[in-house]
Amino acid sequence: MKREEYISDEAVVKRVDASIKIELEKKKVLGIPAVIYDRDTQKIYYLNSDGTRVEASEKLRKGRYSERIRQKA
């Protein structure tokens, strides 16, 4: 494949965003809770079809893998 045949990064991002929106709408219609990660609170939530959020879990580890390994040594 030549470089001219590749799609741009912006097009990839748009396609990913569209696929995520479609998947969330599909789960909403089927009544299946979607799993959402909130970066601000660093918690995992179940997003129900009626719009309610139920906390599932918190972030288990803090820091990058290399930083955690360095602390153990």
Protein backbone atom coordinates (compact mmCIF):
# COMPACT_ATOMS: atom_id res chain seq x y z
CA MET A 1 0.00 0.00 0.00
CA LYS A 2 1.20 3.44 -0.83
CA ARG A 3 1.12 6.21 1.73
CA GLU A 4 -1.50 8.07 -0.33
CA GLU A 5 -3.95 5.18 0.15
CA TYR A 6 -4.02 5.47 3.95
CA ILE A 7 -6.73 7.44 5.70
CA SER A 8 -5.76 10.43 7.84
CA ASP A 9 -5.59 10.40 11.62
CA GLU A 10 -8.55 12.79 11.79
CA ALA A 11 -10.66 10.37 9.75
CA VAL A 12 -9.73 7.50 12.09
CA VAL A 13 -10.70 9.55 15.14
CA LYS A 14 -14.05 10.49 13.56
CA ARG A 15 -14.78 6.85 12.74
CA VAL A 16 -13.91 5.71 16.27
CA ASP A 17 -16.11 8.42 17.81
CA ALA A 18 -19.00 7.43 15.53
CA SER A 19 -18.64 3.74 16.36
CA ILE A 20 -18.63 4.48 20.11
CA LYS A 21 -21.80 6.58 19.78
CA ILE A 22 -23.49 3.81 17.81
CA GLU A 23 -22.52 1.17 20.38
CA LEU A 24 -23.78 3.30 23.29
CA GLU A 25 -27.10 3.92 21.50
CA LYS A 26 -27.41 0.19 20.78
CA LYS A 27 -26.88 -0.66 24.45
CA LYS A 28 -29.40 2.01 25.45
CA VAL A 29 -32.08 0.59 23.14
CA LEU A 30 -31.44 -2.99 24.29
CA GLY A 31 -31.45 -1.96 27.96
CA ILE A 32 -27.92 -3.21 28.58
CA PRO A 33 -25.82 -1.07 30.92
CA ALA A 34 -22.69 0.40 29.33
CA VAL A 35 -19.41 0.44 31.23
CA ILE A 36 -17.92 3.95 31.42
CA TYR A 37 -14.59 5.12 32.90
CA ASP A 38 -14.59 8.64 34.33
CA ARG A 39 -11.11 10.16 34.12
CA ASP A 40 -11.87 12.92 36.62
CA THR A 41 -12.95 10.65 39.48
CA GLN A 42 -10.94 7.64 38.22
CA LYS A 43 -13.90 5.35 38.80
CA ILE A 44 -15.73 2.83 36.64
CA TYR A 45 -19.50 3.23 36.27
CA TYR A 46 -22.40 1.31 34.77
CA LEU A 47 -24.48 3.71 32.67
CA ASN A 48 -28.06 2.46 32.55
CA SER A 49 -30.51 3.12 29.72
CA ASP A 50 -32.48 5.56 31.91
CA GLY A 51 -29.37 7.70 32.40
CA THR A 52 -28.47 6.66 35.95
CA ARG A 53 -24.85 5.91 36.83
CA VAL A 54 -23.98 3.15 39.29
CA GLU A 55 -20.42 2.95 40.60
CA ALA A 56 -18.82 -0.39 39.79
CA SER A 57 -15.24 0.00 40.95
CA GLU A 58 -12.32 2.32 41.51
CA LYS A 59 -8.95 2.43 39.84
CA LEU A 60 -6.87 -0.41 41.28
CA ARG A 61 -3.36 0.85 40.67
CA LYS A 62 -1.80 4.27 40.66
CA GLY A 63 1.07 5.39 38.48
CA ARG A 64 2.62 3.88 35.41
CA TYR A 65 3.84 0.31 35.26
CA SER A 66 7.49 1.36 35.10
CA GLU A 67 7.04 3.58 38.16
CA ARG A 68 5.42 0.76 40.17
CA ILE A 69 8.20 -1.68 39.26
CA ARG A 70 10.88 0.85 40.21
CA GLN A 71 9.30 1.33 43.67
CA LYS A 72 9.39 -2.43 44.38
CA ALA A 73 13.10 -2.73 43.56
